[in-house]
Amino acid sequence: MDLTLLATPWLGTPLYLWLAFLSLVALLLAFDLGVLHRKSEEISIRQSLVLSSGYIVIGLTFGAFVWWHIGAESGLAYLTGFVIEKTLALDNIFVIALIFSFFGIPRRYQHRALFWGILGVIVLRGIMIGAGATLVAEFHWILYLFAAFLVLTGIKMLFTEDKEPDLDKNPLVGFLRRRLNVTNELDGDRFFVRRPLAGSGRLALHATPLFLALVLIEAADIIFAVDSVPAIFAITTDAFVIYTSNIFAILGLRALYFALAAMIHRFRYLKPALALVLVFIGSKVFVAELMGLDKFPAAVSLGVTFALIAGGVVVSLLKTRQEAKTLPTANS
C-alpha cells in the first residue's frame, strides 16, 4: 500500500486525519450500541450525565489534539465551534422531546431513534459542510452572506416570541402519513413491521410511529444546521475543524438529551444569549474587514462566546430557581 496516499490533502486536511476521526466516531457508535445499549431500556439521568460527560471529555481531548497537531488558531476555532454547537443543541433537545411526546414514544425506545438519528446527522452535516467549504473556496464573498444571515437570525431570535409547533399540522407528518402505511401503535423498538392492509388483508410493510419520529428528528437537525453551520464558517473555513467540532458536539447530544429533556425549561434565558452569540459571530466578519484583519482573533471569539453562553446559563438557573421559590406564595 502506498502510504503517501494517506498524506494526500482532502478539503485541505491530510486524508489520514479524516480517516482517524471517522474511525474514532465509528468506534464510539459501535461501543454505544453494541456494548452499552444492546437492549432497549430506559436511560437514567445518572447514566445520561455520565455518558454526556464522557463525550464532552472525548470532544475536548480531540480539540487538544487539533491544537497540538494543526495549531493554536485551529484549536481555538474548534473549541469555539464545539461550544456554539453544544449550546444550540439545547434548542434541539426541546424539539426532540416534543416529537417523542407527540408520537407517544416511551423513554426505553427513544435511544434507538436518537442513535440512528445521529448517523443521519453525520452524513447530512458532512454533505452541508463539504458543499459550504467548496462554495467558500470558490466564492469568498459567500462568507459575508453567512455573516449577514447570522446577524439577522440573532436579531430575530431576540425579538421573536417562542411558539410551540403544532406537529399535528406539520406538513412533513401529513406527507408521511399519506405516502406510507403507518401503524397506530408501536411494535417495540422496530421502525417497520408487516401488517395486513385494510380492506385486502394482504401483508404489507408498515412504518411505526418510531420511524416517523426519526424522520422528524432528522428534519429538525437540518433546520438547526442552517444556524450552526454558517456560524462556524464565520469562525473558520477549515472543513476539518468545522466538521469535527460539529460531530463531537452532536455525538453527546443523544446522551445529554435524557438528562436535560425534563429540565429544559430551566434554560429559559439561554435563547437571548444564543442570539447575541450569533450576532457577535456574524458581525465580527465585517469588523475584521473594516479593521484590515485577515481574521478576527480566535481567542477573543472563544472568550466572548463562552462568556455570553455562561452568562445565559447562570441567569437562567438563578431566575428559574427564584421563580420556583415564589410560585407557592403566589398560589396561596
Protein backbone atom coordinates (compact mmCIF):
# COMPACT_ATOMS: atom_id res chain seq x y z
CA MET A 1 0.00 0.00 0.00
CA ASP A 2 1.30 3.46 -0.92
CA LEU A 3 1.41 5.31 2.41
CA THR A 4 1.90 8.64 0.65
CA LEU A 5 -1.76 8.40 -0.34
CA LEU A 6 -2.70 8.89 3.33
CA ALA A 7 -0.95 12.26 3.32
CA THR A 8 -2.96 13.45 0.32
CA PRO A 9 -4.95 16.58 1.26
CA TRP A 10 -8.74 16.27 1.15
CA LEU A 11 -10.65 19.51 1.72
CA GLY A 12 -7.38 20.99 2.92
CA THR A 13 -6.53 18.30 5.51
CA PRO A 14 -4.42 15.12 5.09
CA LEU A 15 -6.51 12.03 4.45
CA TYR A 16 -5.07 10.18 7.47
CA LEU A 17 -6.60 12.76 9.83
CA TRP A 18 -10.03 12.29 8.26
CA LEU A 19 -9.70 8.51 8.50
CA ALA A 20 -8.55 8.71 12.12
CA PHE A 21 -11.51 10.91 13.03
CA LEU A 22 -14.09 8.76 11.23
CA SER A 23 -12.62 5.60 12.77
CA LEU A 24 -12.92 7.11 16.25
CA VAL A 25 -16.55 8.09 15.62
CA ALA A 26 -17.37 4.60 14.27
CA LEU A 27 -15.71 3.03 17.33
CA LEU A 28 -17.71 5.24 19.72
CA LEU A 29 -21.01 4.46 17.99
CA ALA A 30 -20.26 0.71 17.88
CA PHE A 31 -19.37 0.73 21.59
CA ASP A 32 -22.52 2.71 22.39
CA LEU A 33 -24.95 0.46 20.52
CA GLY A 34 -23.14 -2.87 20.77
CA VAL A 35 -21.97 -2.73 24.39
CA LEU A 36 -23.73 -0.03 26.39
CA HIS A 37 -27.20 -0.26 24.87
CA ARG A 38 -27.71 -3.67 23.34
CA LYS A 39 -31.20 -3.80 24.86
CA SER A 40 -33.96 -1.23 24.70
CA GLU A 41 -34.17 0.17 28.19
CA GLU A 42 -34.78 3.49 29.86
CA ILE A 43 -31.63 5.54 30.44
CA SER A 44 -31.45 7.09 33.90
CA ILE A 45 -30.45 10.70 34.49
CA ARG A 46 -27.25 9.48 36.18
CA GLN A 47 -26.32 7.32 33.17
CA SER A 48 -27.15 10.23 30.89
CA LEU A 49 -24.88 12.62 32.77
CA VAL A 50 -22.00 10.11 32.89
CA LEU A 51 -22.25 9.36 29.16
CA SER A 52 -22.58 13.04 28.28
CA SER A 53 -19.54 13.90 30.40
CA GLY A 54 -17.59 11.16 28.64
CA TYR A 55 -18.47 12.52 25.21
CA ILE A 56 -17.55 16.06 26.30
CA VAL A 57 -14.15 14.85 27.57
CA ILE A 58 -13.53 12.99 24.29
CA GLY A 59 -14.59 16.04 22.27
CA LEU A 60 -12.32 18.38 24.26
CA THR A 61 -9.44 15.89 24.05
CA PHE A 62 -9.81 15.82 20.28
CA GLY A 63 -9.79 19.63 20.36
CA ALA A 64 -6.48 19.47 22.26
CA PHE A 65 -5.16 17.14 19.53
CA VAL A 66 -6.23 19.64 16.85
CA TRP A 67 -4.45 22.40 18.81
CA TRP A 68 -1.25 20.33 19.07
CA HIS A 69 -1.22 18.82 15.58
CA ILE A 70 -2.64 21.66 13.42
CA GLY A 71 -2.05 24.78 15.50
CA ALA A 72 -3.38 27.02 18.25
CA GLU A 73 -5.65 29.02 15.94
CA SER A 74 -7.33 25.86 14.66
CA GLY A 75 -7.62 24.57 18.23
CA LEU A 76 -9.36 27.75 19.38
CA ALA A 77 -11.66 27.67 16.35
CA TYR A 78 -12.53 24.03 17.15
CA LEU A 79 -13.37 24.88 20.78
CA THR A 80 -15.50 27.87 19.72
CA GLY A 81 -17.43 25.75 17.23
CA PHE A 82 -17.82 22.97 19.80
CA VAL A 83 -19.25 25.37 22.42
CA ILE A 84 -21.65 27.03 19.95
CA GLU A 85 -22.92 23.72 18.55
CA LYS A 86 -23.33 22.22 22.02
CA THR A 87 -25.38 25.21 23.15
CA LEU A 88 -27.53 25.39 20.03
CA ALA A 89 -28.27 21.70 20.63
CA LEU A 90 -30.27 22.67 23.74
CA ASP A 91 -33.00 24.07 21.48
CA ASN A 92 -32.85 20.83 19.52
CA ILE A 93 -33.42 18.87 22.74
CA PHE A 94 -36.68 20.73 23.33
CA VAL A 95 -37.90 19.88 19.81
CA ILE A 96 -36.86 16.22 20.14
CA ALA A 97 -38.74 15.95 23.45
CA LEU A 98 -41.81 17.44 21.75
CA ILE A 99 -41.58 14.92 18.89
CA PHE A 100 -41.31 11.94 21.24
CA SER A 101 -44.24 13.23 23.29
CA PHE A 102 -46.39 13.76 20.18
CA PHE A 103 -45.86 10.19 18.95
CA GLY A 104 -46.06 8.70 22.45
CA ILE A 105 -42.59 7.14 22.34
CA PRO A 106 -41.63 5.63 25.74
CA ARG A 107 -38.18 6.54 27.10
CA ARG A 108 -36.90 2.97 26.70
CA TYR A 109 -37.31 3.20 22.89
CA GLN A 110 -36.06 6.77 22.46
CA HIS A 111 -32.37 5.86 22.47
CA ARG A 112 -32.76 3.76 19.29
CA ALA A 113 -34.33 6.64 17.37
CA LEU A 114 -31.65 9.04 18.63
CA PHE A 115 -28.84 6.64 17.71
CA TRP A 116 -29.97 6.28 14.10
CA GLY A 117 -30.71 9.97 14.06
CA ILE A 118 -27.05 10.66 14.90
CA LEU A 119 -25.93 8.50 11.96
CA GLY A 120 -28.13 10.57 9.67
CA VAL A 121 -26.72 13.78 11.13
CA ILE A 122 -23.13 12.64 10.48
CA VAL A 123 -23.94 12.15 6.79
CA LEU A 124 -26.13 15.25 6.34
CA ARG A 125 -23.71 17.58 8.15
CA GLY A 126 -20.87 16.17 6.04
CA ILE A 127 -22.76 16.99 2.83
CA MET A 128 -23.68 20.51 4.03
CA ILE A 129 -20.19 21.34 5.30
CA GLY A 130 -18.49 19.87 2.22
CA ALA A 131 -20.74 21.92 -0.05
CA GLY A 132 -20.20 25.03 2.06
CA ALA A 133 -16.41 24.62 2.07
CA THR A 134 -16.38 24.18 -1.71
CA LEU A 135 -18.52 27.28 -2.24
CA VAL A 136 -16.44 29.41 0.14
CA ALA A 137 -13.23 28.29 -1.59
CA GLU A 138 -14.67 29.31 -4.96
CA PHE A 139 -16.62 32.38 -3.89
CA HIS A 140 -15.15 34.04 -0.79
CA TRP A 141 -17.95 36.62 -0.71
CA ILE A 142 -20.36 33.89 0.44
CA LEU A 143 -18.81 34.29 3.91
CA TYR A 144 -20.36 37.75 4.06
CA LEU A 145 -23.76 36.27 3.20
CA PHE A 146 -23.31 33.76 6.03
CA ALA A 147 -22.32 36.58 8.38
CA ALA A 148 -25.29 38.77 7.44
CA PHE A 149 -27.63 35.78 7.83
CA LEU A 150 -26.28 35.14 11.34
CA VAL A 151 -26.77 38.77 12.39
CA LEU A 152 -30.35 38.81 11.08
CA THR A 153 -31.09 35.41 12.69
CA GLY A 154 -29.73 36.61 16.04
CA ILE A 155 -31.80 39.79 15.93
CA LYS A 156 -34.90 37.76 15.02
CA MET A 157 -34.26 35.40 17.96
CA LEU A 158 -34.04 38.37 20.32
CA PHE A 159 -37.40 39.82 19.36
CA THR A 160 -39.46 36.78 18.32
CA GLU A 161 -41.54 35.00 20.93
CA ASP A 162 -41.20 31.21 21.11
CA LYS A 163 -44.24 29.24 19.97
CA GLU A 164 -44.63 25.51 20.47
CA PRO A 165 -45.02 23.94 16.99
CA ASP A 166 -48.25 22.09 16.26
CA LEU A 167 -46.95 18.75 14.96
CA ASP A 168 -50.46 17.57 14.14
CA LYS A 169 -50.50 20.19 11.36
CA ASN A 170 -46.88 19.64 10.34
CA PRO A 171 -46.72 19.19 6.53
CA LEU A 172 -43.98 16.53 6.79
CA VAL A 173 -46.10 14.44 9.17
CA GLY A 174 -49.06 14.77 6.80
CA PHE A 175 -46.90 13.79 3.80
CA LEU A 176 -45.54 10.68 5.54
CA ARG A 177 -48.97 9.55 6.63
CA ARG A 178 -50.34 9.97 3.09
CA ARG A 179 -47.42 8.22 1.38
CA LEU A 180 -46.69 5.42 3.84
CA ASN A 181 -48.69 2.71 5.54
CA VAL A 182 -48.40 3.73 9.19
CA THR A 183 -49.42 1.74 12.26
CA ASN A 184 -51.32 3.42 15.06
CA GLU A 185 -49.17 1.82 17.73
CA LEU A 186 -45.54 0.94 18.38
CA ASP A 187 -44.07 -2.53 17.93
CA GLY A 188 -41.22 -2.42 20.43
CA ASP A 189 -38.26 -0.53 19.01
CA ARG A 190 -38.94 -1.51 15.40
CA PHE A 191 -39.18 1.11 12.64
CA PHE A 192 -41.07 -1.14 10.20
CA VAL A 193 -43.44 -4.11 10.60
CA ARG A 194 -45.51 -6.28 8.27
CA ARG A 195 -49.24 -5.90 8.83
CA PRO A 196 -52.38 -6.74 6.80
CA LEU A 197 -53.61 -3.90 4.60
CA ALA A 198 -57.04 -2.55 5.44
CA GLY A 199 -59.61 -3.98 3.05
CA SER A 200 -57.44 -6.51 1.20
CA GLY A 201 -55.84 -8.31 4.14
CA ARG A 202 -52.60 -8.61 2.12
CA LEU A 203 -49.42 -8.32 4.21
CA ALA A 204 -47.53 -5.11 3.54
CA LEU A 205 -44.72 -3.15 5.12
CA HIS A 206 -45.91 -0.51 7.60
CA ALA A 207 -43.91 2.27 9.25
CA THR A 208 -44.31 2.63 13.01
CA PRO A 209 -44.64 5.93 14.90
CA LEU A 210 -40.97 5.43 15.94
CA PHE A 211 -39.93 5.77 12.29
CA LEU A 212 -42.00 8.95 11.88
CA ALA A 213 -40.30 10.35 14.98
CA LEU A 214 -36.89 9.52 13.47
CA VAL A 215 -37.71 11.34 10.22
CA LEU A 216 -38.87 14.44 12.10
CA ILE A 217 -35.71 14.42 14.25
CA GLU A 218 -33.59 14.36 11.08
CA ALA A 219 -35.65 17.19 9.59
CA ALA A 220 -35.28 19.22 12.79
CA ASP A 221 -31.49 18.81 12.65
CA ILE A 222 -31.38 20.14 9.09
CA ILE A 223 -33.27 23.22 10.26
CA PHE A 224 -30.90 23.73 13.20
CA ALA A 225 -27.88 23.20 10.93
CA VAL A 226 -28.97 26.27 8.96
CA ASP A 227 -27.88 28.32 12.00
CA SER A 228 -24.94 26.29 13.30
CA VAL A 229 -23.09 25.61 10.03
CA PRO A 230 -22.89 29.28 8.91
CA ALA A 231 -21.91 30.21 12.48
CA ILE A 232 -18.77 28.09 12.44
CA PHE A 233 -17.94 29.07 8.84
CA ALA A 234 -17.83 32.63 10.20
CA ILE A 235 -15.21 31.39 12.69
CA THR A 236 -13.06 29.27 10.36
CA THR A 237 -13.17 27.96 6.80
CA ASP A 238 -11.22 24.80 7.67
CA ALA A 239 -13.65 21.99 6.75
CA PHE A 240 -11.90 19.52 9.08
CA VAL A 241 -12.25 21.81 12.11
CA ILE A 242 -15.86 22.63 11.22
CA TYR A 243 -16.96 19.03 10.72
CA THR A 244 -15.15 17.50 13.69
CA SER A 245 -16.32 20.15 16.17
CA ASN A 246 -19.90 19.76 14.90
CA ILE A 247 -19.91 15.98 15.09
CA PHE A 248 -18.27 15.71 18.52
CA ALA A 249 -20.77 18.21 19.92
CA ILE A 250 -23.68 16.29 18.38
CA LEU A 251 -22.44 12.85 19.49
CA GLY A 252 -23.01 13.84 23.10
CA LEU A 253 -26.45 15.28 22.35
CA ARG A 254 -28.08 11.85 22.48
CA ALA A 255 -26.69 11.17 25.96
CA LEU A 256 -27.39 14.71 27.16
CA TYR A 257 -31.00 14.51 26.00
CA PHE A 258 -32.11 12.11 28.74
CA ALA A 259 -30.70 14.35 31.48
CA LEU A 260 -31.99 17.66 30.13
CA ALA A 261 -35.33 16.78 28.50
CA ALA A 262 -37.18 17.06 31.81
CA MET A 263 -35.46 20.29 32.88
CA ILE A 264 -35.03 22.18 29.62
CA HIS A 265 -37.35 24.86 31.00
CA ARG A 266 -34.56 25.81 33.42
CA PHE A 267 -32.61 27.25 30.47
CA ARG A 268 -35.33 29.71 29.50
CA TYR A 269 -32.97 32.72 29.35
CA LEU A 270 -30.33 30.99 27.27
CA LYS A 271 -32.00 31.95 24.00
CA PRO A 272 -31.12 35.69 24.28
CA ALA A 273 -27.52 34.67 24.98
CA LEU A 274 -27.50 32.46 21.89
CA ALA A 275 -28.98 35.30 19.85
CA LEU A 276 -26.18 37.61 20.99
CA VAL A 277 -23.60 34.94 20.12
CA LEU A 278 -24.97 34.68 16.56
CA VAL A 279 -24.95 38.49 16.20
CA PHE A 280 -21.37 38.65 17.52
CA ILE A 281 -20.10 35.79 15.31
CA GLY A 282 -21.71 37.33 12.23
CA SER A 283 -20.67 40.92 12.92
CA LYS A 284 -17.02 40.05 13.65
CA VAL A 285 -16.57 39.09 9.98
CA PHE A 286 -17.42 42.66 8.99
CA VAL A 287 -15.41 44.12 11.88
CA ALA A 288 -12.32 42.18 10.79
CA GLU A 289 -12.77 43.51 7.24
CA LEU A 290 -13.11 47.13 8.45
CA MET A 291 -10.04 46.78 10.68
CA GLY A 292 -7.99 45.27 7.86
CA LEU A 293 -7.51 41.96 9.68
CA ASP A 294 -7.16 38.64 7.86
CA LYS A 295 -9.14 37.01 10.68
CA PHE A 296 -10.74 38.14 13.90
CA PRO A 297 -8.59 36.93 16.85
CA ALA A 298 -9.64 33.35 17.63
CA ALA A 299 -9.01 33.78 21.37
CA VAL A 300 -11.36 36.79 21.51
CA SER A 301 -14.06 34.85 19.62
CA LEU A 302 -13.85 31.95 22.06
CA GLY A 303 -13.77 34.24 25.11
CA VAL A 304 -16.79 36.32 24.09
CA THR A 305 -18.77 33.24 23.00
CA PHE A 306 -18.07 31.40 26.25
CA ALA A 307 -18.85 34.48 28.38
CA LEU A 308 -22.22 35.06 26.68
CA ILE A 309 -23.30 31.43 26.93
CA ALA A 310 -22.10 31.05 30.52
CA GLY A 311 -23.95 34.25 31.43
CA GLY A 312 -27.13 32.91 29.82
CA VAL A 313 -26.86 29.63 31.74
CA VAL A 314 -26.23 31.34 35.09
CA VAL A 315 -29.05 33.86 34.64
CA SER A 316 -31.43 31.06 33.57
CA LEU A 317 -30.67 28.89 36.59
CA LEU A 318 -30.89 31.80 39.05
CA LYS A 319 -34.08 33.25 37.58
CA THR A 320 -35.95 29.96 37.30
CA ARG A 321 -34.86 28.99 40.81
CA GLN A 322 -36.16 32.29 42.16
CA GLU A 323 -39.44 31.88 40.27
CA ALA A 324 -39.85 28.35 41.66
CA LYS A 325 -39.45 29.69 45.20
CA THR A 326 -42.03 32.45 44.76
CA LEU A 327 -44.56 30.22 42.97
CA PRO A 328 -46.09 28.63 46.12
CA THR A 329 -46.51 32.09 47.68
CA ALA A 330 -48.25 33.34 44.57
CA ASN A 331 -50.59 30.38 44.50
CA SER A 332 -51.52 30.79 48.12
